[in-house]
Amino acid sequence: MYTNDTISPKKRPINLTIREDVVRAAKALNLNASQAAEAGIQAAIREARTQEWLRSNKSAILAHNNRVYQSGVLLKATWFGDDRGSI
């Protein structure tokens, strides 16, 4: 995904079908429908990638959580200066 905010990637026109009430509300609020649609699509891409990453790393996450449950964390928090040691 493109993340550099200083350079605009090339844009191309596409056709979208959007509910009429949504279009009316956007116009009433002077929203730029193209920008709003692009932001929504970007959010959907981020969410889909997050879910894909979680699915593909599920076994490693479960193994890590199991190890922490059985053995505790690798490093204890020592910055408290008392015997709390963990959060």
Protein backbone atom coordinates (compact mmCIF):
# COMPACT_ATOMS: atom_id res chain seq x y z
CA MET A 1 0.00 0.00 0.00
CA TYR A 2 1.16 3.51 -0.74
CA THR A 3 2.09 5.37 2.44
CA ASN A 4 4.13 8.39 1.34
CA ASP A 5 1.96 11.46 1.93
CA THR A 6 4.30 13.90 0.17
CA ILE A 7 3.95 12.41 -3.32
CA SER A 8 0.53 11.80 -4.84
CA PRO A 9 0.26 8.59 -6.80
CA LYS A 10 -1.46 8.70 -10.16
CA LYS A 11 -5.23 8.56 -9.84
CA ARG A 12 -7.65 7.05 -12.30
CA PRO A 13 -11.40 7.45 -12.63
CA ILE A 14 -13.61 4.51 -11.71
CA ASN A 15 -17.35 3.98 -11.40
CA LEU A 16 -18.85 3.31 -7.97
CA THR A 17 -22.40 2.55 -7.01
CA ILE A 18 -23.31 4.32 -3.77
CA ARG A 19 -26.67 4.55 -2.01
CA GLU A 20 -28.57 7.74 -2.85
CA ASP A 21 -29.05 8.74 0.79
CA VAL A 22 -25.30 8.53 1.37
CA VAL A 23 -24.59 10.70 -1.66
CA ARG A 24 -27.19 13.27 -0.54
CA ALA A 25 -25.75 13.40 2.99
CA ALA A 26 -22.21 13.80 1.63
CA LYS A 27 -23.28 16.65 -0.66
CA ALA A 28 -25.19 18.33 2.18
CA LEU A 29 -22.02 18.26 4.28
CA ASN A 30 -19.83 19.41 1.36
CA LEU A 31 -17.77 16.22 1.55
CA ASN A 32 -15.56 15.21 -1.33
CA ALA A 33 -17.01 11.83 -2.28
CA SER A 34 -13.84 10.70 -4.05
CA GLN A 35 -11.68 11.44 -1.01
CA ALA A 36 -14.19 9.79 1.32
CA ALA A 37 -14.40 6.69 -0.87
CA GLU A 38 -10.62 6.49 -1.14
CA ALA A 39 -10.25 6.80 2.65
CA GLY A 40 -12.86 4.08 3.17
CA ILE A 41 -11.17 1.76 0.70
CA GLN A 42 -7.79 2.38 2.36
CA ALA A 43 -9.30 1.55 5.76
CA ALA A 44 -10.79 -1.65 4.33
CA ILE A 45 -7.41 -2.61 2.88
CA ARG A 46 -5.69 -2.03 6.25
CA GLU A 47 -8.30 -4.15 8.02
CA ALA A 48 -8.09 -6.94 5.45
CA ARG A 49 -4.29 -6.99 5.68
CA THR A 50 -4.47 -7.04 9.48
CA GLN A 51 -6.87 -9.98 9.44
CA GLU A 52 -4.71 -11.78 6.86
CA TRP A 53 -1.60 -11.25 9.02
CA LEU A 54 -3.41 -12.50 12.13
CA ARG A 55 -4.62 -15.60 10.26
CA SER A 56 -1.19 -16.41 8.87
CA ASN A 57 0.53 -15.85 12.24
CA LYS A 58 -2.11 -17.45 14.44
CA SER A 59 -0.02 -20.49 15.42
CA ALA A 60 3.01 -18.35 16.34
CA ILE A 61 0.86 -15.98 18.40
CA LEU A 62 -0.78 -18.89 20.23
CA ALA A 63 2.61 -20.51 20.88
CA HIS A 64 4.00 -17.25 22.25
CA ASN A 65 0.98 -16.66 24.47
CA ASN A 66 1.19 -20.24 25.76
CA ARG A 67 4.88 -19.83 26.58
CA VAL A 68 4.21 -16.56 28.43
CA TYR A 69 1.34 -18.21 30.32
CA GLN A 70 3.52 -21.16 31.37
CA SER A 71 6.87 -19.39 31.94
CA GLY A 72 6.07 -15.71 32.32
CA VAL A 73 7.52 -12.84 30.38
CA LEU A 74 11.19 -12.91 29.40
CA LEU A 75 11.99 -9.54 30.96
CA LYS A 76 10.54 -8.28 34.20
CA ALA A 77 9.72 -4.60 34.52
CA THR A 78 12.46 -3.30 36.82
CA TRP A 79 11.85 0.42 36.39
CA PHE A 80 9.33 0.49 39.24
CA GLY A 81 12.11 0.13 41.80
CA ASP A 82 10.11 -2.21 44.02
CA ASP A 83 9.04 -5.84 44.06
CA ARG A 84 6.18 -5.43 41.56
CA GLY A 85 8.46 -6.61 38.74
CA SER A 86 5.62 -7.12 36.30
CA ILE A 87 2.65 -5.13 35.19
